[in-house]
Amino acid sequence: MQTADWAFVVSLFSAAISLFSLGWNVWSKWVHPKPKIRVTFAVMYLIDGNGMSEPFLGATATNFGPTDTTLKSLIAKSRLPGWWWKIGHYRRWQYGMMNHVSTPHQVLNGTASNSPMPHKLAVGGEMSVYVAFKHEHLRDDGIIDVGFSDVFGRNHWAPRKSVRGVVKSIRKDWPKKA
């Protein structure tokens, strides 16, 4: 092969890499962009003129972009009981929706309200929902993840460390009766 032939092969290879890169950028930015949602889950207190309130649970979702999304529900995930999930990669999960309200006052007063979901979450937007602290399923059912689901069926989970901390706090302050 001559020098010109090698130059032609190298230029074809670089053109192929450039086309792949262009296709990937178009796909990820315009055809199928996925928003990054950061979820937090924590025990919260309301402080006002009367002092500190009873504890309640708060879940917050923040959209870090690149597109808007719509959050559909607050969900929880637990492992199904049994021994078969320990074998290899065969894991079974059980999902459930958590009952939530839109303001902490509704949790503390025990009043029901309209759910704030589905909720359109713009880029940079934040949304919070609240759950009662005395939550039997969080205390007893081995829930390992809490998060939000969006209208595309993707789940956005809070860090497991924060969920474990909330469950530990619930078990400490509200023990199971024997």
Protein backbone atom coordinates (compact mmCIF):
# COMPACT_ATOMS: atom_id res chain seq x y z
CA MET A 1 0.00 0.00 0.00
CA GLN A 2 1.13 3.47 -0.84
CA THR A 3 1.15 6.44 1.52
CA ALA A 4 -1.95 7.82 -0.18
CA ASP A 5 -3.80 4.55 0.49
CA TRP A 6 -2.98 4.71 4.21
CA ALA A 7 -4.13 8.31 4.35
CA PHE A 8 -7.41 7.30 2.73
CA VAL A 9 -7.96 4.46 5.26
CA VAL A 10 -7.23 6.76 8.20
CA SER A 11 -9.59 9.42 6.85
CA LEU A 12 -12.38 6.83 6.40
CA PHE A 13 -11.84 5.65 9.99
CA SER A 14 -11.99 9.22 11.33
CA ALA A 15 -15.13 9.92 9.26
CA ALA A 16 -16.80 6.83 10.77
CA ILE A 17 -15.93 7.98 14.30
CA SER A 18 -17.25 11.48 13.54
CA LEU A 19 -20.55 10.11 12.19
CA PHE A 20 -20.97 7.89 15.26
CA SER A 21 -20.29 10.86 17.53
CA LEU A 22 -22.78 13.04 15.64
CA GLY A 23 -25.45 10.34 15.83
CA TRP A 24 -24.89 9.83 19.55
CA ASN A 25 -25.15 13.57 20.26
CA VAL A 26 -28.35 13.92 18.23
CA TRP A 27 -29.87 10.86 19.94
CA SER A 28 -28.99 11.91 23.49
CA LYS A 29 -29.87 15.61 23.18
CA TRP A 30 -32.88 15.77 20.86
CA VAL A 31 -34.35 12.35 20.16
CA HIS A 32 -34.32 10.74 23.59
CA PRO A 33 -33.18 13.05 26.40
CA LYS A 34 -33.66 11.75 29.95
CA PRO A 35 -34.01 14.14 32.87
CA LYS A 36 -31.88 13.59 35.95
CA ILE A 37 -34.08 13.70 39.05
CA ARG A 38 -32.45 13.90 42.49
CA VAL A 39 -34.68 12.60 45.28
CA THR A 40 -34.30 13.16 49.02
CA PHE A 41 -36.25 11.43 51.78
CA ALA A 42 -35.97 12.56 55.40
CA VAL A 43 -37.65 13.02 58.76
CA MET A 44 -38.77 16.64 59.07
CA TYR A 45 -40.11 18.97 61.74
CA LEU A 46 -42.12 22.16 61.45
CA ILE A 47 -40.90 25.00 63.67
CA ASP A 48 -43.30 27.87 64.33
CA GLY A 49 -44.30 30.14 67.23
CA ASN A 50 -45.49 27.14 69.26
CA GLY A 51 -42.14 25.35 69.05
CA MET A 52 -41.26 22.17 67.21
CA SER A 53 -44.00 19.99 65.75
CA GLU A 54 -44.36 16.23 65.70
CA PRO A 55 -42.10 14.56 63.11
CA PHE A 56 -43.30 13.82 59.60
CA LEU A 57 -41.62 12.43 56.48
CA GLY A 58 -40.77 14.52 53.45
CA ALA A 59 -39.81 13.43 49.95
CA THR A 60 -38.40 16.05 47.58
CA ALA A 61 -37.62 15.73 43.87
CA THR A 62 -35.37 18.19 42.04
CA ASN A 63 -35.05 18.16 38.24
CA PHE A 64 -31.46 18.66 37.08
CA GLY A 65 -32.43 18.57 33.39
CA PRO A 66 -31.92 18.54 30.44
CA THR A 67 -35.70 18.33 29.88
CA ASP A 68 -38.94 18.81 31.79
CA THR A 69 -40.68 15.76 33.19
CA THR A 70 -43.94 14.88 34.89
CA LEU A 71 -43.88 13.00 38.17
CA LYS A 72 -46.72 10.55 38.57
CA SER A 73 -46.54 9.07 42.07
CA LEU A 74 -44.56 8.51 45.25
CA ILE A 75 -43.53 4.86 45.36
CA ALA A 76 -41.77 2.40 47.65
CA LYS A 77 -39.91 -0.83 46.85
CA SER A 78 -39.37 -3.85 49.08
CA ARG A 79 -37.97 -7.31 48.60
CA LEU A 80 -40.49 -10.14 48.43
CA PRO A 81 -40.21 -12.57 51.32
CA GLY A 82 -38.62 -15.91 50.65
CA TRP A 83 -35.28 -17.46 49.91
CA TRP A 84 -35.34 -17.54 46.07
CA TRP A 85 -34.21 -13.94 45.64
CA LYS A 86 -30.82 -14.88 47.14
CA ILE A 87 -30.03 -17.27 44.29
CA GLY A 88 -27.93 -15.60 41.58
CA HIS A 89 -29.44 -12.62 39.83
CA TYR A 90 -33.05 -13.71 40.39
CA ARG A 91 -34.52 -10.93 42.49
CA ARG A 92 -38.14 -10.16 43.06
CA TRP A 93 -39.33 -6.73 44.08
CA GLN A 94 -42.65 -5.55 45.35
CA TYR A 95 -43.72 -1.99 44.52
CA GLY A 96 -46.36 0.14 46.18
CA MET A 97 -47.67 3.69 46.07
CA MET A 98 -47.34 5.79 49.21
CA ASN A 99 -50.24 7.94 50.38
CA HIS A 100 -49.02 11.53 50.55
CA VAL A 101 -50.27 15.10 50.92
CA SER A 102 -49.04 18.44 49.61
CA THR A 103 -48.39 20.41 52.83
CA PRO A 104 -46.92 19.48 56.21
CA HIS A 105 -49.93 20.98 58.03
CA GLN A 106 -52.17 18.35 56.45
CA VAL A 107 -49.93 15.59 57.79
CA LEU A 108 -49.90 17.07 61.29
CA ASN A 109 -53.67 17.73 61.37
CA GLY A 110 -54.56 14.40 59.79
CA THR A 111 -56.64 16.04 57.06
CA ALA A 112 -56.82 14.63 53.57
CA SER A 113 -56.26 16.71 50.47
CA ASN A 114 -55.93 16.43 46.76
CA SER A 115 -52.69 14.81 45.74
CA PRO A 116 -50.23 17.19 44.07
CA MET A 117 -49.54 14.54 41.43
CA PRO A 118 -49.17 14.25 38.54
CA HIS A 119 -46.91 17.26 38.72
CA LYS A 120 -45.00 18.84 35.84
CA LEU A 121 -41.44 19.48 36.97
CA ALA A 122 -39.48 22.02 34.93
CA VAL A 123 -35.70 22.03 34.70
CA GLY A 124 -34.41 23.41 38.00
CA GLY A 125 -37.82 22.89 39.60
CA GLU A 126 -38.45 21.22 42.93
CA MET A 127 -41.47 19.46 44.39
CA SER A 128 -42.10 18.11 47.89
CA VAL A 129 -44.70 15.74 49.27
CA TYR A 130 -45.24 14.69 52.87
CA VAL A 131 -46.11 11.42 54.61
CA ALA A 132 -47.15 10.65 58.18
CA PHE A 133 -44.29 9.64 60.48
CA LYS A 134 -46.13 6.67 61.97
CA HIS A 135 -46.00 4.63 58.79
CA GLU A 136 -46.51 0.92 59.49
CA HIS A 137 -45.18 -0.30 56.15
CA LEU A 138 -41.92 1.59 56.48
CA ARG A 139 -41.48 0.19 59.97
CA ASP A 140 -42.52 -3.43 59.33
CA ASP A 141 -42.33 -4.39 55.65
CA GLY A 142 -38.63 -4.08 54.84
CA ILE A 143 -38.94 -1.18 52.42
CA ILE A 144 -35.50 -0.46 50.93
CA ASP A 145 -36.24 2.29 48.39
CA VAL A 146 -38.54 5.33 48.28
CA GLY A 147 -38.82 7.59 45.28
CA PHE A 148 -40.92 8.97 42.46
CA SER A 149 -42.09 7.46 39.19
CA ASP A 150 -42.53 9.56 36.08
CA VAL A 151 -44.95 9.25 33.16
CA PHE A 152 -42.36 7.33 31.10
CA GLY A 153 -42.20 4.54 33.69
CA ARG A 154 -38.76 5.47 35.02
CA ASN A 155 -38.22 5.35 38.76
CA HIS A 156 -36.09 7.92 40.56
CA TRP A 157 -34.96 6.69 43.99
CA ALA A 158 -33.71 8.46 47.12
CA PRO A 159 -30.32 7.24 48.37
CA ARG A 160 -30.72 4.00 50.33
CA LYS A 161 -28.68 5.45 53.19
CA SER A 162 -31.32 8.13 53.81
CA VAL A 163 -34.18 5.58 53.57
CA ARG A 164 -32.40 3.34 56.09
CA GLY A 165 -31.99 6.34 58.41
CA VAL A 166 -35.70 7.19 58.20
CA VAL A 167 -36.72 3.58 58.86
CA LYS A 168 -34.31 3.40 61.81
CA SER A 169 -35.77 6.62 63.24
CA ILE A 170 -39.35 5.30 62.86
CA ARG A 171 -38.44 2.01 64.56
CA LYS A 172 -36.71 3.86 67.40
CA ASP A 173 -39.49 6.39 68.08
CA TRP A 174 -42.44 4.11 67.29
CA PRO A 175 -41.58 0.50 68.19
CA LYS A 176 -43.68 -2.41 67.05
CA LYS A 177 -46.06 -3.72 69.71
CA ALA A 178 -45.56 -7.36 70.57
